[in-house]
Amino acid sequence: MLLAIDIGNTNITLGVWHGDWQQHWRLQTNPTRTADEYGLLLKGLLRDANLAAINGVIITSVVPTLTQTLTEVSQHYLGCRPLIVTSTLDLGLDIQVDAPEAVGADRLVNCVAAYHLFPGPSIIIDMGTATKLDVVSARREFLGGVIAPGLRLAADALASRAAKLSHVALEAPPAAIGRNTVHAMQSGLILGYVCLIEGMVARLRAEHPDREQPIHILGTGGLIDLIAPHTAVIDHIDPWLTLTGLRLIYERVRG
């Protein structure tokens, strides 16, 4: 069985693959938690799901301190030396950007999964701590993309920096014209991010070298479900896209 781990700034997403996905979990990212704490938590999750026979681990991470922590967990609690995803790994992806080593590994993993699921040009929208749009060509090239503040990050900043504004539920308002402060903020956040996504997808389509071909638009990330119902621009939603990419990379590198 393969354990795939995606360490993000807000959540750690895990999945166990054995012919298909046996189980998924989403944990809160906590850099202060020790390897022993994560190890005991992971062992408990695996035991409760009757998935103790892990013989492979792959990790993608944007939190360097937790990369080391989860590496220790993998070695000490599972007896596996994990495969860590970097831009220098054989991903089966041609990385056509100025500094490949500076690209978040999760972005590359998403592109690997997108090309496998929908061979050809694509744009991947990943809504998490940051909102990212990444572009893949028909020739399996990662061409770059867009990084914007995440939806929840924007909501927190608005509430914390404006004296008369407070936190609101992240849900769509009844109409774009907010008739009270709560609805006005929800319009700016939810519908504002819909406009951001639609506008950026239009610009990326216009610049895409394969714009004469159909371009698949994929959505993923913990916050994608807040936006997807309010736009027709997203063709496919896959909350576990990153885990699929990790599984494909592990099979490519380790067989």
Protein backbone atom coordinates (compact mmCIF):
# COMPACT_ATOMS: atom_id res chain seq x y z
CA MET A 1 0.00 0.00 0.00
CA LEU A 2 1.15 3.52 -0.82
CA LEU A 3 0.68 6.45 1.55
CA ALA A 4 0.60 9.80 -0.30
CA ILE A 5 1.08 12.95 1.79
CA ASP A 6 0.48 16.53 0.63
CA ILE A 7 1.74 19.03 3.22
CA GLY A 8 0.15 22.43 2.67
CA ASN A 9 0.24 25.61 4.71
CA THR A 10 -3.27 25.06 6.09
CA ASN A 11 -3.95 21.32 5.74
CA ILE A 12 -2.09 18.05 5.38
CA THR A 13 -3.93 15.76 2.99
CA LEU A 14 -3.24 12.03 3.09
CA GLY A 15 -4.45 9.09 1.05
CA VAL A 16 -3.78 5.35 0.94
CA TRP A 17 -3.64 3.75 -2.51
CA HIS A 18 -4.02 0.02 -3.09
CA GLY A 19 -5.47 -0.46 -6.55
CA ASP A 20 -7.72 2.50 -5.78
CA TRP A 21 -7.99 5.05 -2.97
CA GLN A 22 -8.80 3.15 0.21
CA GLN A 23 -9.04 6.18 2.47
CA HIS A 24 -8.46 9.96 2.52
CA TRP A 25 -7.82 12.26 5.46
CA ARG A 26 -7.39 16.01 5.83
CA LEU A 27 -5.49 17.18 8.94
CA GLN A 28 -4.71 20.67 10.18
CA THR A 29 -1.13 21.75 9.49
CA ASN A 30 0.72 22.33 12.76
CA PRO A 31 4.48 22.91 12.43
CA THR A 32 4.91 22.75 16.22
CA ARG A 33 3.65 19.17 16.42
CA THR A 34 6.49 16.68 16.91
CA ALA A 35 7.28 13.62 14.83
CA ASP A 36 6.07 11.43 17.71
CA GLU A 37 2.74 13.28 17.85
CA TYR A 38 2.21 12.98 14.10
CA GLY A 39 3.41 9.39 14.18
CA LEU A 40 0.93 8.33 16.85
CA LEU A 41 -1.88 10.19 15.05
CA LEU A 42 -1.03 8.56 11.72
CA LYS A 43 -0.73 5.09 13.21
CA GLY A 44 -4.13 5.54 14.81
CA LEU A 45 -5.75 6.63 11.55
CA LEU A 46 -4.25 3.68 9.67
CA ARG A 47 -5.21 1.22 12.39
CA ASP A 48 -8.81 2.44 12.55
CA ALA A 49 -9.08 2.04 8.76
CA ASN A 50 -7.41 -1.42 8.80
CA LEU A 51 -4.63 -0.09 6.56
CA ALA A 52 -1.52 -0.92 8.55
CA ALA A 53 0.50 -2.57 5.73
CA ILE A 54 2.09 0.57 4.25
CA ASN A 55 5.15 -0.25 2.14
CA GLY A 56 5.66 3.04 0.28
CA VAL A 57 5.41 6.74 1.12
CA ILE A 58 5.61 9.82 -1.10
CA ILE A 59 5.53 13.41 0.17
CA THR A 60 5.03 16.79 -1.44
CA SER A 61 5.42 19.76 0.87
CA VAL A 62 5.46 23.56 0.95
CA VAL A 63 6.36 23.58 4.68
CA PRO A 64 10.06 22.63 4.98
CA THR A 65 10.00 21.99 8.74
CA LEU A 66 7.17 19.50 8.34
CA THR A 67 8.92 17.78 5.45
CA GLN A 68 11.57 16.68 7.92
CA THR A 69 8.99 15.84 10.56
CA LEU A 70 6.91 13.62 8.26
CA THR A 71 10.09 12.03 6.89
CA GLU A 72 10.94 10.96 10.44
CA VAL A 73 7.39 9.69 10.93
CA SER A 74 7.62 7.62 7.75
CA GLN A 75 10.95 6.09 8.72
CA HIS A 76 10.34 5.48 12.43
CA TYR A 77 6.65 4.58 12.47
CA LEU A 78 6.11 3.00 9.04
CA GLY A 79 9.58 1.68 8.25
CA CYS A 80 9.58 3.43 4.87
CA ARG A 81 12.06 5.88 3.40
CA PRO A 82 9.75 8.43 1.73
CA LEU A 83 10.12 9.76 -1.79
CA ILE A 84 10.19 13.58 -1.57
CA VAL A 85 8.92 15.41 -4.65
CA THR A 86 11.20 18.14 -6.04
CA SER A 87 11.61 19.74 -9.44
CA THR A 88 14.72 17.60 -10.05
CA LEU A 89 12.78 14.34 -9.75
CA ASP A 90 11.74 12.53 -12.92
CA LEU A 91 8.16 13.77 -13.01
CA GLY A 92 7.53 13.18 -16.70
CA LEU A 93 6.91 16.92 -16.96
CA ASP A 94 8.97 19.47 -18.90
CA ILE A 95 9.25 22.46 -16.54
CA GLN A 96 9.45 25.55 -18.74
CA VAL A 97 9.88 28.31 -16.15
CA ASP A 98 12.76 30.59 -15.11
CA ALA A 99 13.55 28.85 -11.80
CA PRO A 100 12.10 25.32 -11.56
CA GLU A 101 13.50 24.86 -8.07
CA ALA A 102 11.37 27.77 -6.82
CA VAL A 103 8.06 26.28 -7.98
CA GLY A 104 5.93 24.74 -5.26
CA ALA A 105 6.12 20.98 -5.65
CA ASP A 106 2.36 20.68 -5.20
CA ARG A 107 1.84 22.75 -8.36
CA LEU A 108 3.99 20.35 -10.38
CA VAL A 109 2.23 17.33 -8.88
CA ASN A 110 -1.16 18.77 -9.88
CA CYS A 111 0.06 19.23 -13.44
CA VAL A 112 1.23 15.61 -13.62
CA ALA A 113 -2.21 14.44 -12.49
CA ALA A 114 -4.05 16.78 -14.85
CA TYR A 115 -2.14 15.58 -17.91
CA HIS A 116 -2.70 11.95 -16.95
CA LEU A 117 -6.45 12.42 -16.48
CA PHE A 118 -6.95 14.72 -19.48
CA PRO A 119 -4.03 14.43 -21.94
CA GLY A 120 -3.57 17.73 -23.68
CA PRO A 121 -3.57 21.39 -22.65
CA SER A 122 -5.07 22.27 -19.30
CA ILE A 123 -5.38 24.94 -16.62
CA ILE A 124 -5.48 23.78 -12.99
CA ILE A 125 -7.18 25.97 -10.37
CA ASP A 126 -6.05 25.09 -6.85
CA MET A 127 -7.85 27.01 -4.11
CA GLY A 128 -6.15 26.60 -0.76
CA THR A 129 -4.07 28.93 1.41
CA ALA A 130 -3.16 30.57 -1.89
CA THR A 131 -5.23 30.60 -5.06
CA LYS A 132 -3.10 29.14 -7.87
CA LEU A 133 -3.74 28.68 -11.57
CA ASP A 134 -1.19 26.56 -13.42
CA VAL A 135 -0.86 26.00 -17.15
CA VAL A 136 0.05 22.76 -18.93
CA SER A 137 0.67 22.45 -22.67
CA ALA A 138 -0.30 19.69 -25.07
CA ARG A 139 3.36 18.61 -25.00
CA ARG A 140 3.33 17.89 -21.26
CA GLU A 141 5.05 21.17 -20.39
CA PHE A 142 4.51 23.18 -17.23
CA LEU A 143 4.39 26.74 -18.58
CA GLY A 144 3.94 28.68 -15.33
CA GLY A 145 0.88 30.25 -13.84
CA VAL A 146 -0.70 32.63 -11.35
CA ILE A 147 -0.55 32.95 -7.56
CA ALA A 148 -3.05 35.11 -5.65
CA PRO A 149 -4.04 35.34 -1.98
CA GLY A 150 -6.32 32.52 -0.89
CA LEU A 151 -10.00 33.17 -0.28
CA ARG A 152 -9.84 32.55 3.48
CA LEU A 153 -6.65 34.60 3.72
CA ALA A 154 -8.42 37.51 2.03
CA ALA A 155 -11.42 37.15 4.35
CA ASP A 156 -9.19 37.12 7.45
CA ALA A 157 -7.23 40.15 6.25
CA LEU A 158 -10.42 42.09 5.56
CA ALA A 159 -11.82 41.37 9.01
CA SER A 160 -8.57 42.03 10.87
CA ARG A 161 -7.51 45.24 9.11
CA ALA A 162 -10.87 47.04 8.84
CA ALA A 163 -12.17 48.27 12.20
CA LYS A 164 -15.88 48.04 11.36
CA LEU A 165 -15.76 44.71 9.53
CA SER A 166 -15.89 41.29 11.16
CA HIS A 167 -15.60 37.69 10.02
CA VAL A 168 -18.47 36.42 7.88
CA ALA A 169 -19.50 32.96 6.73
CA LEU A 170 -17.82 32.08 3.45
CA GLU A 171 -20.95 31.56 1.39
CA ALA A 172 -22.54 33.29 -1.55
CA PRO A 173 -24.90 36.22 -0.82
CA PRO A 174 -28.46 36.37 -2.21
CA ALA A 175 -27.34 38.88 -4.84
CA ALA A 176 -24.20 40.65 -6.00
CA ILE A 177 -25.54 43.94 -4.64
CA GLY A 178 -25.21 43.48 -0.89
CA ARG A 179 -27.97 45.20 1.04
CA ASN A 180 -26.11 44.87 4.34
CA THR A 181 -22.47 44.64 5.40
CA VAL A 182 -22.41 40.85 5.68
CA HIS A 183 -23.86 40.31 2.20
CA ALA A 184 -21.60 43.02 0.77
CA MET A 185 -18.53 41.25 2.18
CA GLN A 186 -19.73 37.86 0.96
CA SER A 187 -20.28 39.33 -2.50
CA GLY A 188 -16.78 40.73 -2.58
CA LEU A 189 -15.24 37.52 -1.33
CA ILE A 190 -17.19 34.71 -3.02
CA LEU A 191 -18.38 36.45 -6.18
CA GLY A 192 -15.19 38.53 -6.30
CA TYR A 193 -13.13 35.36 -6.42
CA VAL A 194 -15.45 33.91 -9.06
CA CYS A 195 -14.62 36.97 -11.17
CA LEU A 196 -10.91 36.54 -10.42
CA ILE A 197 -11.03 32.91 -11.57
CA GLU A 198 -13.08 33.64 -14.68
CA GLY A 199 -10.96 36.64 -15.63
CA MET A 200 -7.65 34.85 -15.15
CA VAL A 201 -8.83 31.75 -17.02
CA ALA A 202 -9.82 33.99 -19.95
CA ARG A 203 -6.39 35.65 -19.95
CA LEU A 204 -4.55 32.34 -19.64
CA ARG A 205 -6.59 30.85 -22.49
CA ALA A 206 -5.72 33.85 -24.67
CA GLU A 207 -1.98 33.42 -23.96
CA HIS A 208 -1.95 29.62 -24.11
CA PRO A 209 0.22 28.30 -26.98
CA ASP A 210 -2.42 25.62 -27.62
CA ARG A 211 -5.39 28.00 -27.51
CA GLU A 212 -6.74 26.58 -30.78
CA GLN A 213 -7.29 23.26 -29.00
CA PRO A 214 -9.83 22.47 -26.26
CA ILE A 215 -8.26 23.39 -22.91
CA HIS A 216 -9.42 21.42 -19.87
CA ILE A 217 -10.07 23.50 -16.77
CA LEU A 218 -9.65 21.51 -13.52
CA GLY A 219 -10.50 22.64 -10.01
CA THR A 220 -9.03 21.31 -6.78
CA GLY A 221 -8.13 22.42 -3.26
CA GLY A 222 -9.99 22.70 0.00
CA LEU A 223 -11.92 25.85 -0.98
CA ILE A 224 -12.84 24.99 -4.57
CA ASP A 225 -16.36 23.92 -3.55
CA LEU A 226 -17.11 27.49 -2.42
CA ILE A 227 -16.50 28.83 -5.93
CA ALA A 228 -17.42 26.00 -8.31
CA PRO A 229 -21.24 26.30 -7.97
CA HIS A 230 -21.11 29.93 -9.10
CA THR A 231 -19.16 29.58 -12.33
CA ALA A 232 -19.37 27.53 -15.51
CA VAL A 233 -15.69 27.94 -16.36
CA ILE A 234 -14.51 24.83 -14.45
CA ASP A 235 -14.91 21.57 -16.39
CA HIS A 236 -13.83 19.07 -13.73
CA ILE A 237 -13.61 19.11 -9.92
CA ASP A 238 -11.18 16.71 -8.22
CA PRO A 239 -10.54 17.37 -4.51
CA TRP A 240 -7.83 14.69 -4.45
CA LEU A 241 -5.96 15.74 -7.61
CA THR A 242 -2.66 16.21 -5.77
CA LEU A 243 -2.80 12.73 -4.27
CA THR A 244 -3.40 11.29 -7.74
CA GLY A 245 -0.31 13.11 -8.99
CA LEU A 246 1.73 11.76 -6.09
CA ARG A 247 0.63 8.21 -6.86
CA LEU A 248 1.60 8.61 -10.53
CA ILE A 249 5.01 10.05 -9.66
CA TYR A 250 5.71 7.26 -7.17
CA GLU A 251 4.84 4.62 -9.77
CA ARG A 252 7.05 6.37 -12.35
CA VAL A 253 10.08 6.71 -10.07
CA ARG A 254 9.84 3.62 -7.89
CA GLY A 255 7.91 1.32 -10.20
